[in-house]
C-alpha cells in the first residue's frame, strides 16, 4: 500500500538500490522514504516512511537490504524561549529494509579526526 500524504518536504539526499529496485530519499523532516523504483513515467509509489533523525537527514547510502543515514538533531538554546537549532548527530543509523518497524541501529561515529 502507498502512503498518501499532502505534506511537502525537501529531499536532501537520494540513493538507489539495484538489488531491490527501490529509491531511498532522505528528507529535511528527518524521515527516509522508500519508493518503488519499478514504476515508470514518474509515478513512483511511496512504499514506506521511517523517522530517522530528529532534525533532517543529511546523507543516505544503500547496500542490499541495508540503508545507512547521517543527519541532524535539534536542541533548544540556553534560554528555553529561543528557537531550536540543528547540530550533527553523533551516530550513523543503519536500517534493514526487511525490518523497518524496528527502527535504526545507532552506530557511534567520532568523525574524521577521531573525536
PDB file of N, CA and C in Angstrom:
ATOM      1  N   UNK A   1       0.835  -1.190   0.000  1.00  0.00           N
ATOM      2  CA  UNK A   1       0.000   0.000   0.000  1.00  0.00           C
ATOM      3  C   UNK A   1       0.872   1.243   0.000  1.00  0.00           C
ATOM      4  N   UNK A   2       0.405   2.272  -0.603  1.00  0.00           N
ATOM      5  CA  UNK A   2       1.185   3.502  -0.660  1.00  0.00           C
ATOM      6  C   UNK A   2       0.800   4.402   0.505  1.00  0.00           C
ATOM      7  N   UNK A   3       1.684   5.314   0.805  1.00  0.00           N
ATOM      8  CA  UNK A   3       1.434   6.294   1.845  1.00  0.00           C
ATOM      9  C   UNK A   3       1.010   7.569   1.145  1.00  0.00           C
ATOM     10  N   UNK A   4      -0.213   7.959   1.358  1.00  0.00           N
ATOM     11  CA  UNK A   4      -0.740   9.141   0.695  1.00  0.00           C
ATOM     12  C   UNK A   4      -0.636  10.309   1.649  1.00  0.00           C
ATOM     13  N   UNK A   5       0.082  11.331   1.254  1.00  0.00           N
ATOM     14  CA  UNK A   5       0.283  12.474   2.127  1.00  0.00           C
ATOM     15  C   UNK A   5       0.315  13.745   1.304  1.00  0.00           C
ATOM     16  N   UNK A   6      -0.298  14.787   1.839  1.00  0.00           N
ATOM     17  CA  UNK A   6      -0.264  16.073   1.161  1.00  0.00           C
ATOM     18  C   UNK A   6       0.883  16.930   1.693  1.00  0.00           C
ATOM     19  N   UNK A   7       1.660  16.386   2.655  1.00  0.00           N
ATOM     20  CA  UNK A   7       2.795  17.121   3.200  1.00  0.00           C
ATOM     21  C   UNK A   7       3.870  17.282   2.143  1.00  0.00           C
ATOM     22  N   UNK A   8       4.600  18.357   2.251  1.00  0.00           N
ATOM     23  CA  UNK A   8       5.741  18.520   1.369  1.00  0.00           C
ATOM     24  C   UNK A   8       6.985  18.681   2.233  1.00  0.00           C
ATOM     25  N   UNK A   9       8.084  18.176   1.733  1.00  0.00           N
ATOM     26  CA  UNK A   9       9.359  18.351   2.403  1.00  0.00           C
ATOM     27  C   UNK A   9      10.439  18.343   1.342  1.00  0.00           C
ATOM     28  N   UNK A  10      11.607  18.743   1.741  1.00  0.00           N
ATOM     29  CA  UNK A  10      12.734  18.816   0.836  1.00  0.00           C
ATOM     30  C   UNK A  10      13.514  17.504   0.877  1.00  0.00           C
ATOM     31  N   UNK A  11      13.840  16.958  -0.283  1.00  0.00           N
ATOM     32  CA  UNK A  11      14.694  15.780  -0.344  1.00  0.00           C
ATOM     33  C   UNK A  11      16.133  16.269  -0.275  1.00  0.00           C
ATOM     34  N   UNK A  12      16.874  15.783   0.733  1.00  0.00           N
ATOM     35  CA  UNK A  12      18.240  16.234   0.948  1.00  0.00           C
ATOM     36  C   UNK A  12      19.277  15.302   0.329  1.00  0.00           C
ATOM     37  N   UNK A  13      18.932  14.029   0.149  1.00  0.00           N
ATOM     38  CA  UNK A  13      19.830  13.073  -0.490  1.00  0.00           C
ATOM     39  C   UNK A  13      18.991  11.926  -1.028  1.00  0.00           C
ATOM     40  N   UNK A  14      19.506  11.266  -2.048  1.00  0.00           N
ATOM     41  CA  UNK A  14      18.769  10.183  -2.676  1.00  0.00           C
ATOM     42  C   UNK A  14      19.749   9.082  -3.077  1.00  0.00           C
ATOM     43  N   UNK A  15      19.304   7.833  -2.941  1.00  0.00           N
ATOM     44  CA  UNK A  15      20.133   6.686  -3.318  1.00  0.00           C
ATOM     45  C   UNK A  15      19.229   5.627  -3.922  1.00  0.00           C
ATOM     46  N   UNK A  16      19.808   4.790  -4.768  1.00  0.00           N
ATOM     47  CA  UNK A  16      19.045   3.700  -5.372  1.00  0.00           C
ATOM     48  C   UNK A  16      19.627   2.364  -4.958  1.00  0.00           C
ATOM     49  N   UNK A  17      18.761   1.368  -4.904  1.00  0.00           N
ATOM     50  CA  UNK A  17      19.190   0.006  -4.630  1.00  0.00           C
ATOM     51  C   UNK A  17      18.899  -0.819  -5.864  1.00  0.00           C
ATOM     52  N   UNK A  18      19.946  -1.244  -6.540  1.00  0.00           N
ATOM     53  CA  UNK A  18      19.755  -2.048  -7.741  1.00  0.00           C
ATOM     54  C   UNK A  18      19.268  -3.453  -7.387  1.00  0.00           C
ATOM     55  N   UNK A  19      19.639  -3.928  -6.191  1.00  0.00           N
ATOM     56  CA  UNK A  19      19.216  -5.264  -5.760  1.00  0.00           C
ATOM     57  C   UNK A  19      17.715  -5.334  -5.516  1.00  0.00           C
ATOM     58  N   UNK A  20      17.161  -4.318  -4.848  1.00  0.00           N
ATOM     59  CA  UNK A  20      15.738  -4.331  -4.504  1.00  0.00           C
ATOM     60  C   UNK A  20      14.885  -3.511  -5.466  1.00  0.00           C
ATOM     61  N   UNK A  21      15.501  -2.660  -6.283  1.00  0.00           N
ATOM     62  CA  UNK A  21      14.747  -1.822  -7.209  1.00  0.00           C
ATOM     63  C   UNK A  21      14.114  -0.615  -6.542  1.00  0.00           C
ATOM     64  N   UNK A  22      14.538  -0.268  -5.324  1.00  0.00           N
ATOM     65  CA  UNK A  22      13.950   0.848  -4.590  1.00  0.00           C
ATOM     66  C   UNK A  22      14.753   2.123  -4.764  1.00  0.00           C
ATOM     67  N   UNK A  23      14.073   3.232  -4.558  1.00  0.00           N
ATOM     68  CA  UNK A  23      14.694   4.545  -4.481  1.00  0.00           C
ATOM     69  C   UNK A  23      14.501   5.016  -3.047  1.00  0.00           C
ATOM     70  N   UNK A  24      15.583   5.407  -2.382  1.00  0.00           N
ATOM     71  CA  UNK A  24      15.530   5.832  -0.988  1.00  0.00           C
ATOM     72  C   UNK A  24      15.877   7.316  -0.933  1.00  0.00           C
ATOM     73  N   UNK A  25      14.984   8.088  -0.328  1.00  0.00           N
ATOM     74  CA  UNK A  25      15.174   9.536  -0.221  1.00  0.00           C
ATOM     75  C   UNK A  25      15.310   9.921   1.243  1.00  0.00           C
ATOM     76  N   UNK A  26      16.356  10.697   1.564  1.00  0.00           N
ATOM     77  CA  UNK A  26      16.487  11.310   2.881  1.00  0.00           C
ATOM     78  C   UNK A  26      15.847  12.680   2.810  1.00  0.00           C
ATOM     79  N   UNK A  27      15.084  13.039   3.830  1.00  0.00           N
ATOM     80  CA  UNK A  27      14.289  14.269   3.757  1.00  0.00           C
ATOM     81  C   UNK A  27      14.606  15.231   4.892  1.00  0.00           C
ATOM     82  N   UNK A  28      14.255  16.487   4.671  1.00  0.00           N
ATOM     83  CA  UNK A  28      14.521  17.550   5.631  1.00  0.00           C
ATOM     84  C   UNK A  28      13.697  17.413   6.909  1.00  0.00           C
ATOM     85  N   UNK A  29      12.632  16.621   6.889  1.00  0.00           N
ATOM     86  CA  UNK A  29      11.825  16.423   8.093  1.00  0.00           C
ATOM     87  C   UNK A  29      12.351  15.281   8.961  1.00  0.00           C
ATOM     88  N   UNK A  30      13.519  14.710   8.620  1.00  0.00           N
ATOM     89  CA  UNK A  30      14.125  13.654   9.423  1.00  0.00           C
ATOM     90  C   UNK A  30      13.697  12.260   9.036  1.00  0.00           C
ATOM     91  N   UNK A  31      12.909  12.115   7.980  1.00  0.00           N
ATOM     92  CA  UNK A  31      12.451  10.793   7.562  1.00  0.00           C
ATOM     93  C   UNK A  31      13.260  10.280   6.385  1.00  0.00           C
ATOM     94  N   UNK A  32      13.255   8.953   6.247  1.00  0.00           N
ATOM     95  CA  UNK A  32      13.683   8.349   4.993  1.00  0.00           C
ATOM     96  C   UNK A  32      12.426   7.785   4.363  1.00  0.00           C
ATOM     97  N   UNK A  33      12.329   7.964   3.066  1.00  0.00           N
ATOM     98  CA  UNK A  33      11.161   7.499   2.326  1.00  0.00           C
ATOM     99  C   UNK A  33      11.630   6.561   1.233  1.00  0.00           C
ATOM    100  N   UNK A  34      10.934   5.434   1.132  1.00  0.00           N
ATOM    101  CA  UNK A  34      11.303   4.406   0.165  1.00  0.00           C
ATOM    102  C   UNK A  34      10.236   4.365  -0.913  1.00  0.00           C
ATOM    103  N   UNK A  35      10.696   4.457  -2.158  1.00  0.00           N
ATOM    104  CA  UNK A  35       9.802   4.455  -3.313  1.00  0.00           C
ATOM    105  C   UNK A  35      10.057   3.219  -4.154  1.00  0.00           C
ATOM    106  N   UNK A  36       8.997   2.719  -4.764  1.00  0.00           N
ATOM    107  CA  UNK A  36       9.109   1.591  -5.683  1.00  0.00           C
ATOM    108  C   UNK A  36       9.689   2.118  -6.986  1.00  0.00           C
ATOM    109  N   UNK A  37      10.923   1.747  -7.278  1.00  0.00           N
ATOM    110  CA  UNK A  37      11.611   2.244  -8.456  1.00  0.00           C
ATOM    111  C   UNK A  37      11.228   1.542  -9.742  1.00  0.00           C
ATOM    112  N   UNK A  38      10.373   0.523  -9.648  1.00  0.00           N
ATOM    113  CA  UNK A  38       9.996  -0.204 -10.863  1.00  0.00           C
ATOM    114  C   UNK A  38       8.921   0.525 -11.658  1.00  0.00           C
ATOM    115  N   UNK A  39       8.273   1.508 -11.066  1.00  0.00           N
ATOM    116  CA  UNK A  39       7.255   2.284 -11.772  1.00  0.00           C
ATOM    117  C   UNK A  39       7.938   3.222 -12.746  1.00  0.00           C
ATOM    118  N   UNK A  40       7.394   3.369 -13.900  1.00  0.00           N
ATOM    119  CA  UNK A  40       7.973   4.242 -14.919  1.00  0.00           C
ATOM    120  C   UNK A  40       7.056   5.440 -15.173  1.00  0.00           C
ATOM    121  N   UNK A  41       7.599   6.444 -15.774  1.00  0.00           N
ATOM    122  CA  UNK A  41       6.806   7.623 -16.118  1.00  0.00           C
ATOM    123  C   UNK A  41       6.634   8.601 -14.969  1.00  0.00           C
ATOM    124  N   UNK A  42       7.454   8.502 -13.922  1.00  0.00           N
ATOM    125  CA  UNK A  42       7.374   9.457 -12.819  1.00  0.00           C
ATOM    126  C   UNK A  42       6.320   9.156 -11.789  1.00  0.00           C
ATOM    127  N   UNK A  43       5.667   8.015 -11.858  1.00  0.00           N
ATOM    128  CA  UNK A  43       4.618   7.662 -10.898  1.00  0.00           C
ATOM    129  C   UNK A  43       5.180   6.764  -9.804  1.00  0.00           C
ATOM    130  N   UNK A  44       6.199   7.230  -9.131  1.00  0.00           N
ATOM    131  CA  UNK A  44       6.827   6.424  -8.089  1.00  0.00           C
ATOM    132  C   UNK A  44       5.932   6.363  -6.864  1.00  0.00           C
ATOM    133  N   UNK A  45       5.628   5.151  -6.418  1.00  0.00           N
ATOM    134  CA  UNK A  45       4.760   4.955  -5.274  1.00  0.00           C
ATOM    135  C   UNK A  45       5.608   4.895  -4.002  1.00  0.00           C
ATOM    136  N   UNK A  46       5.226   5.667  -2.986  1.00  0.00           N
ATOM    137  CA  UNK A  46       5.922   5.624  -1.710  1.00  0.00           C
ATOM    138  C   UNK A  46       5.510   4.353  -0.984  1.00  0.00           C
ATOM    139  N   UNK A  47       6.486   3.499  -0.691  1.00  0.00           N
ATOM    140  CA  UNK A  47       6.220   2.205  -0.050  1.00  0.00           C
ATOM    141  C   UNK A  47       6.325   2.273   1.464  1.00  0.00           C
ATOM    142  N   UNK A  48       7.235   3.105   1.957  1.00  0.00           N
ATOM    143  CA  UNK A  48       7.458   3.179   3.405  1.00  0.00           C
ATOM    144  C   UNK A  48       8.052   4.532   3.755  1.00  0.00           C
ATOM    145  N   UNK A  49       7.814   4.897   5.019  1.00  0.00           N
ATOM    146  CA  UNK A  49       8.372   6.144   5.566  1.00  0.00           C
ATOM    147  C   UNK A  49       8.762   5.859   7.011  1.00  0.00           C
ATOM    148  N   UNK A  50       9.998   6.216   7.359  1.00  0.00           N
ATOM    149  CA  UNK A  50      10.508   5.928   8.696  1.00  0.00           C
ATOM    150  C   UNK A  50      11.184   7.178   9.242  1.00  0.00           C
ATOM    151  N   UNK A  51      10.888   7.518  10.494  1.00  0.00           N
ATOM    152  CA  UNK A  51      11.572   8.638  11.156  1.00  0.00           C
ATOM    153  C   UNK A  51      12.977   8.191  11.521  1.00  0.00           C
ATOM    154  N   UNK A  52      13.980   8.893  11.021  1.00  0.00           N
ATOM    155  CA  UNK A  52      15.372   8.500  11.242  1.00  0.00           C
ATOM    156  C   UNK A  52      16.076   9.459  12.207  1.00  0.00           C
ATOM    157  N   UNK A  53      15.974  10.753  11.982  1.00  0.00           N
ATOM    158  CA  UNK A  53      16.708  11.733  12.777  1.00  0.00           C
ATOM    159  C   UNK A  53      15.756  12.820  13.264  1.00  0.00           C
ATOM    160  N   UNK A  54      16.095  13.426  14.406  1.00  0.00           N
ATOM    161  CA  UNK A  54      15.261  14.473  14.983  1.00  0.00           C
ATOM    162  C   UNK A  54      15.226  15.735  14.147  1.00  0.00           C
ATOM    163  N   UNK A  55      16.316  16.026  13.448  1.00  0.00           N
ATOM    164  CA  UNK A  55      16.369  17.165  12.533  1.00  0.00           C
ATOM    165  C   UNK A  55      16.139  16.655  11.127  1.00  0.00           C
ATOM    166  N   UNK A  56      17.066  16.884  10.245  1.00  0.00           N
ATOM    167  CA  UNK A  56      16.954  16.400   8.874  1.00  0.00           C
ATOM    168  C   UNK A  56      17.934  15.282   8.603  1.00  0.00           C
ATOM    169  N   UNK A  57      17.732  14.605   7.492  1.00  0.00           N
ATOM    170  CA  UNK A  57      18.666  13.580   7.028  1.00  0.00           C
ATOM    171  C   UNK A  57      19.668  14.260   6.102  1.00  0.00           C
ATOM    172  N   UNK A  58      20.960  14.038   6.350  1.00  0.00           N
ATOM    173  CA  UNK A  58      21.994  14.664   5.540  1.00  0.00           C
ATOM    174  C   UNK A  58      22.443  13.763   4.395  1.00  0.00           C
ATOM    175  N   UNK A  59      22.668  12.488   4.689  1.00  0.00           N
ATOM    176  CA  UNK A  59      23.176  11.551   3.685  1.00  0.00           C
ATOM    177  C   UNK A  59      22.485  10.207   3.807  1.00  0.00           C
ATOM    178  N   UNK A  60      22.338   9.545   2.656  1.00  0.00           N
ATOM    179  CA  UNK A  60      21.749   8.213   2.585  1.00  0.00           C
ATOM    180  C   UNK A  60      22.656   7.346   1.724  1.00  0.00           C
ATOM    181  N   UNK A  61      22.898   6.120   2.179  1.00  0.00           N
ATOM    182  CA  UNK A  61      23.635   5.142   1.387  1.00  0.00           C
ATOM    183  C   UNK A  61      22.885   3.823   1.472  1.00  0.00           C
ATOM    184  N   UNK A  62      22.865   3.082   0.376  1.00  0.00           N
ATOM    185  CA  UNK A  62      22.131   1.819   0.315  1.00  0.00           C
ATOM    186  C   UNK A  62      23.072   0.725  -0.158  1.00  0.00           C
ATOM    187  N   UNK A  63      23.005  -0.426   0.524  1.00  0.00           N
ATOM    188  CA  UNK A  63      23.752  -1.611   0.111  1.00  0.00           C
ATOM    189  C   UNK A  63      22.885  -2.825   0.395  1.00  0.00           C
ATOM    190  N   UNK A  64      22.382  -3.453  -0.659  1.00  0.00           N
ATOM    191  CA  UNK A  64      21.488  -4.602  -0.479  1.00  0.00           C
ATOM    192  C   UNK A  64      20.240  -4.191   0.274  1.00  0.00           C
ATOM    193  N   UNK A  65      19.985  -4.844   1.414  1.00  0.00           N
ATOM    194  CA  UNK A  65      18.820  -4.534   2.242  1.00  0.00           C
ATOM    195  C   UNK A  65      19.109  -3.505   3.324  1.00  0.00           C
ATOM    196  N   UNK A  66      20.322  -2.961   3.361  1.00  0.00           N
ATOM    197  CA  UNK A  66      20.692  -2.014   4.411  1.00  0.00           C
ATOM    198  C   UNK A  66      20.651  -0.583   3.900  1.00  0.00           C
ATOM    199  N   UNK A  67      20.131   0.308   4.750  1.00  0.00           N
ATOM    200  CA  UNK A  67      20.091   1.739   4.476  1.00  0.00           C
ATOM    201  C   UNK A  67      20.832   2.432   5.611  1.00  0.00           C
ATOM    202  N   UNK A  68      21.843   3.223   5.287  1.00  0.00           N
ATOM    203  CA  UNK A  68      22.612   3.969   6.285  1.00  0.00           C
ATOM    204  C   UNK A  68      22.297   5.443   6.134  1.00  0.00           C
ATOM    205  N   UNK A  69      22.120   6.130   7.260  1.00  0.00           N
ATOM    206  CA  UNK A  69      21.829   7.561   7.220  1.00  0.00           C
ATOM    207  C   UNK A  69      22.690   8.319   8.214  1.00  0.00           C
ATOM    208  N   UNK A  70      23.008   9.540   7.874  1.00  0.00           N
ATOM    209  CA  UNK A  70      23.544  10.513   8.814  1.00  0.00           C
ATOM    210  C   UNK A  70      22.597  11.696   8.791  1.00  0.00           C
ATOM    211  N   UNK A  71      22.582  12.447   9.884  1.00  0.00           N
ATOM    212  CA  UNK A  71      21.636  13.553   9.913  1.00  0.00           C
ATOM    213  C   UNK A  71      21.872  14.488  11.068  1.00  0.00           C
ATOM    214  N   UNK A  72      20.824  15.193  11.423  1.00  0.00           N
ATOM    215  CA  UNK A  72      20.889  16.238  12.433  1.00  0.00           C
ATOM    216  C   UNK A  72      19.856  15.995  13.525  1.00  0.00           C
ATOM    217  N   UNK A  73      20.189  16.465  14.716  1.00  0.00           N
ATOM    218  CA  UNK A  73      19.246  16.533  15.821  1.00  0.00           C
ATOM    219  C   UNK A  73      18.986  17.996  16.087  1.00  0.00           C
ATOM    220  N   UNK A  74      18.096  18.282  17.006  1.00  0.00           N
ATOM    221  CA  UNK A  74      17.832  19.680  17.332  1.00  0.00           C
ATOM    222  C   UNK A  74      17.832  19.850  18.840  1.00  0.00           C
ATOM    223  N   UNK A  75      18.286  20.986  19.267  1.00  0.00           N
ATOM    224  CA  UNK A  75      18.315  21.345  20.686  1.00  0.00           C
ATOM    225  C   UNK A  75      17.834  22.774  20.825  1.00  0.00           C
ATOM    226  N   UNK A  76      17.329  23.074  22.016  1.00  0.00           N
ATOM    227  CA  UNK A  76      16.973  24.466  22.273  1.00  0.00           C
ATOM    228  C   UNK A  76      18.180  25.171  22.871  1.00  0.00           C
ATOM    229  N   UNK A  77      18.179  26.474  22.775  1.00  0.00           N
ATOM    230  CA  UNK A  77      19.281  27.260  23.317  1.00  0.00           C
ATOM    231  C   UNK A  77      19.256  27.280  24.833  1.00  0.00           C
ATOM    232  N   UNK A  78      20.165  28.049  25.426  1.00  0.00           N
ATOM    233  CA  UNK A  78      20.233  28.146  26.885  1.00  0.00           C
ATOM    234  C   UNK A  78      18.948  28.696  27.466  1.00  0.00           C
ATOM    235  N   UNK A  79      18.343  29.608  26.773  1.00  0.00           N
ATOM    236  CA  UNK A  79      17.074  30.179  27.186  1.00  0.00           C
ATOM    237  C   UNK A  79      15.980  29.383  26.487  1.00  0.00           C
ATOM    238  N   UNK A  80      15.061  28.819  27.229  1.00  0.00           N
ATOM    239  CA  UNK A  80      14.039  27.943  26.641  1.00  0.00           C
ATOM    240  C   UNK A  80      13.137  28.664  25.647  1.00  0.00           C
ATOM    241  N   UNK A  81      13.109  29.992  25.679  1.00  0.00           N
ATOM    242  CA  UNK A  81      12.271  30.717  24.730  1.00  0.00           C
ATOM    243  C   UNK A  81      12.934  30.830  23.359  1.00  0.00           C
ATOM    244  N   UNK A  82      14.231  30.479  23.274  1.00  0.00           N
ATOM    245  CA  UNK A  82      14.912  30.532  21.988  1.00  0.00           C
ATOM    246  C   UNK A  82      14.456  29.395  21.100  1.00  0.00           C
ATOM    247  N   UNK A  83      14.598  29.591  19.831  1.00  0.00           N
ATOM    248  CA  UNK A  83      14.195  28.556  18.881  1.00  0.00           C
ATOM    249  C   UNK A  83      15.222  27.424  18.859  1.00  0.00           C
ATOM    250  N   UNK A  84      14.831  26.323  18.262  1.00  0.00           N
ATOM    251  CA  UNK A  84      15.702  25.158  18.156  1.00  0.00           C
ATOM    252  C   UNK A  84      16.799  25.398  17.135  1.00  0.00           C
ATOM    253  N   UNK A  85      17.930  24.755  17.334  1.00  0.00           N
ATOM    254  CA  UNK A  85      18.992  24.807  16.344  1.00  0.00           C
ATOM    255  C   UNK A  85      19.458  23.384  16.064  1.00  0.00           C
ATOM    256  N   UNK A  86      19.972  23.169  14.870  1.00  0.00           N
ATOM    257  CA  UNK A  86      20.386  21.831  14.445  1.00  0.00           C
ATOM    258  C   UNK A  86      21.868  21.630  14.707  1.00  0.00           C
ATOM    259  N   UNK A  87      22.221  20.398  15.047  1.00  0.00           N
ATOM    260  CA  UNK A  87      23.615  20.015  15.181  1.00  0.00           C
ATOM    261  C   UNK A  87      23.748  18.594  14.654  1.00  0.00           C
ATOM    262  N   UNK A  88      24.932  18.212  14.171  1.00  0.00           N
ATOM    263  CA  UNK A  88      25.099  16.871  13.589  1.00  0.00           C
ATOM    264  C   UNK A  88      24.906  15.768  14.623  1.00  0.00           C
ATOM    265  N   UNK A  89      24.182  14.724  14.243  1.00  0.00           N
ATOM    266  CA  UNK A  89      24.046  13.546  15.101  1.00  0.00           C
ATOM    267  C   UNK A  89      25.400  12.877  15.255  1.00  0.00           C
ATOM    268  N   UNK A  90      25.602  12.253  16.383  1.00  0.00           N
ATOM    269  CA  UNK A  90      26.856  11.556  16.651  1.00  0.00           C
ATOM    270  C   UNK A  90      26.806  10.101  16.197  1.00  0.00           C
ATOM    271  N   UNK A  91      25.706   9.703  15.584  1.00  0.00           N
ATOM    272  CA  UNK A  91      25.528   8.315  15.190  1.00  0.00           C
ATOM    273  C   UNK A  91      25.183   8.189  13.714  1.00  0.00           C
ATOM    274  N   UNK A  92      25.631   7.092  13.146  1.00  0.00           N
ATOM    275  CA  UNK A  92      25.158   6.664  11.837  1.00  0.00           C
ATOM    276  C   UNK A  92      24.056   5.661  12.116  1.00  0.00           C
ATOM    277  N   UNK A  93      22.888   5.841  11.528  1.00  0.00           N
ATOM    278  CA  UNK A  93      21.788   4.894  11.727  1.00  0.00           C
ATOM    279  C   UNK A  93      21.768   3.900  10.576  1.00  0.00           C
ATOM    280  N   UNK A  94      21.593   2.633  10.915  1.00  0.00           N
ATOM    281  CA  UNK A  94      21.527   1.579   9.912  1.00  0.00           C
ATOM    282  C   UNK A  94      20.168   0.889  10.032  1.00  0.00           C
ATOM    283  N   UNK A  95      19.427   0.892   8.934  1.00  0.00           N
ATOM    284  CA  UNK A  95      18.113   0.272   8.866  1.00  0.00           C
ATOM    285  C   UNK A  95      18.185  -0.947   7.963  1.00  0.00           C
ATOM    286  N   UNK A  96      17.486  -2.001   8.343  1.00  0.00           N
ATOM    287  CA  UNK A  96      17.317  -3.162   7.477  1.00  0.00           C
ATOM    288  C   UNK A  96      15.947  -3.021   6.833  1.00  0.00           C
ATOM    289  N   UNK A  97      15.902  -2.948   5.521  1.00  0.00           N
ATOM    290  CA  UNK A  97      14.652  -2.692   4.803  1.00  0.00           C
ATOM    291  C   UNK A  97      13.606  -3.771   5.089  1.00  0.00           C
ATOM    292  N   UNK A  98      14.047  -4.953   5.481  1.00  0.00           N
ATOM    293  CA  UNK A  98      13.111  -6.046   5.780  1.00  0.00           C
ATOM    294  C   UNK A  98      12.455  -5.877   7.140  1.00  0.00           C
ATOM    295  N   UNK A  99      13.049  -5.038   8.021  1.00  0.00           N
ATOM    296  CA  UNK A  99      12.546  -4.864   9.389  1.00  0.00           C
ATOM    297  C   UNK A  99      12.460  -3.393   9.755  1.00  0.00           C
ATOM    298  N   UNK A 100      11.836  -2.584   8.932  1.00  0.00           N
ATOM    299  CA  UNK A 100      11.798  -1.140   9.160  1.00  0.00           C
ATOM    300  C   UNK A 100      11.070  -0.756  10.435  1.00  0.00           C
ATOM    301  N   UNK A 101      10.102  -1.543  10.862  1.00  0.00           N
ATOM    302  CA  UNK A 101       9.336  -1.226  12.061  1.00  0.00           C
ATOM    303  C   UNK A 101      10.158  -1.268  13.332  1.00  0.00           C
ATOM    304  N   UNK A 102      11.329  -1.876  13.290  1.00  0.00           N
ATOM    305  CA  UNK A 102      12.177  -1.981  14.476  1.00  0.00           C
ATOM    306  C   UNK A 102      13.059  -0.757  14.673  1.00  0.00           C
ATOM    307  N   UNK A 103      13.092   0.138  13.726  1.00  0.00           N
ATOM    308  CA  UNK A 103      13.901   1.341  13.842  1.00  0.00           C
ATOM    309  C   UNK A 103      15.329   1.108  13.408  1.00  0.00           C
ATOM    310  N   UNK A 104      16.113   2.148  13.482  1.00  0.00           N
ATOM    311  CA  UNK A 104      17.505   2.072  13.055  1.00  0.00           C
ATOM    312  C   UNK A 104      18.421   1.662  14.188  1.00  0.00           C
ATOM    313  N   UNK A 105      19.502   1.018  13.847  1.00  0.00           N
ATOM    314  CA  UNK A 105      20.531   0.663  14.817  1.00  0.00           C
ATOM    315  C   UNK A 105      21.563   1.783  14.796  1.00  0.00           C
ATOM    316  N   UNK A 106      21.795   2.396  15.955  1.00  0.00           N
ATOM    317  CA  UNK A 106      22.730   3.507  16.034  1.00  0.00           C
ATOM    318  C   UNK A 106      24.149   3.006  16.187  1.00  0.00           C
ATOM    319  N   UNK A 107      25.042   3.546  15.385  1.00  0.00           N
ATOM    320  CA  UNK A 107      26.464   3.233  15.476  1.00  0.00           C
ATOM    321  C   UNK A 107      27.209   4.535  15.729  1.00  0.00           C
ATOM    322  N   UNK A 108      28.009   4.598  16.795  1.00  0.00           N
ATOM    323  CA  UNK A 108      28.741   5.845  17.086  1.00  0.00           C
ATOM    324  C   UNK A 108      29.709   6.198  15.967  1.00  0.00           C
ATOM    325  N   UNK A 109      29.819   7.462  15.721  1.00  0.00           N
ATOM    326  CA  UNK A 109      30.731   7.962  14.695  1.00  0.00           C
ATOM    327  C   UNK A 109      31.510   9.116  15.285  1.00  0.00           C
ATOM    328  N   UNK A 110      32.811   8.976  15.362  1.00  0.00           N
ATOM    329  CA  UNK A 110      33.618  10.008  16.012  1.00  0.00           C
ATOM    330  C   UNK A 110      34.117  11.055  15.039  1.00  0.00           C
ATOM    331  N   UNK A 111      33.824  10.920  13.771  1.00  0.00           N
ATOM    332  CA  UNK A 111      34.229  11.921  12.807  1.00  0.00           C
ATOM    333  C   UNK A 111      35.592  11.632  12.214  1.00  0.00           C
ATOM    334  N   UNK A 112      36.015  12.492  11.314  1.00  0.00           N
ATOM    335  CA  UNK A 112      37.266  12.287  10.599  1.00  0.00           C
ATOM    336  C   UNK A 112      38.494  12.413  11.493  1.00  0.00           C
ATOM    337  N   UNK A 113      38.410  13.238  12.529  1.00  0.00           N
ATOM    338  CA  UNK A 113      39.567  13.475  13.396  1.00  0.00           C
ATOM    339  C   UNK A 113      39.575  12.581  14.622  1.00  0.00           C
ATOM    340  N   UNK A 114      38.663  11.621  14.690  1.00  0.00           N
ATOM    341  CA  UNK A 114      38.655  10.692  15.809  1.00  0.00           C
ATOM    342  C   UNK A 114      38.079  11.225  17.096  1.00  0.00           C
ATOM    343  N   UNK A 115      37.306  12.259  17.033  1.00  0.00           N
ATOM    344  CA  UNK A 115      36.692  12.639  18.278  1.00  0.00           C
ATOM    345  C   UNK A 115      36.369  14.034  18.425  1.00  0.00           C
TER     346      UNK A 115
END
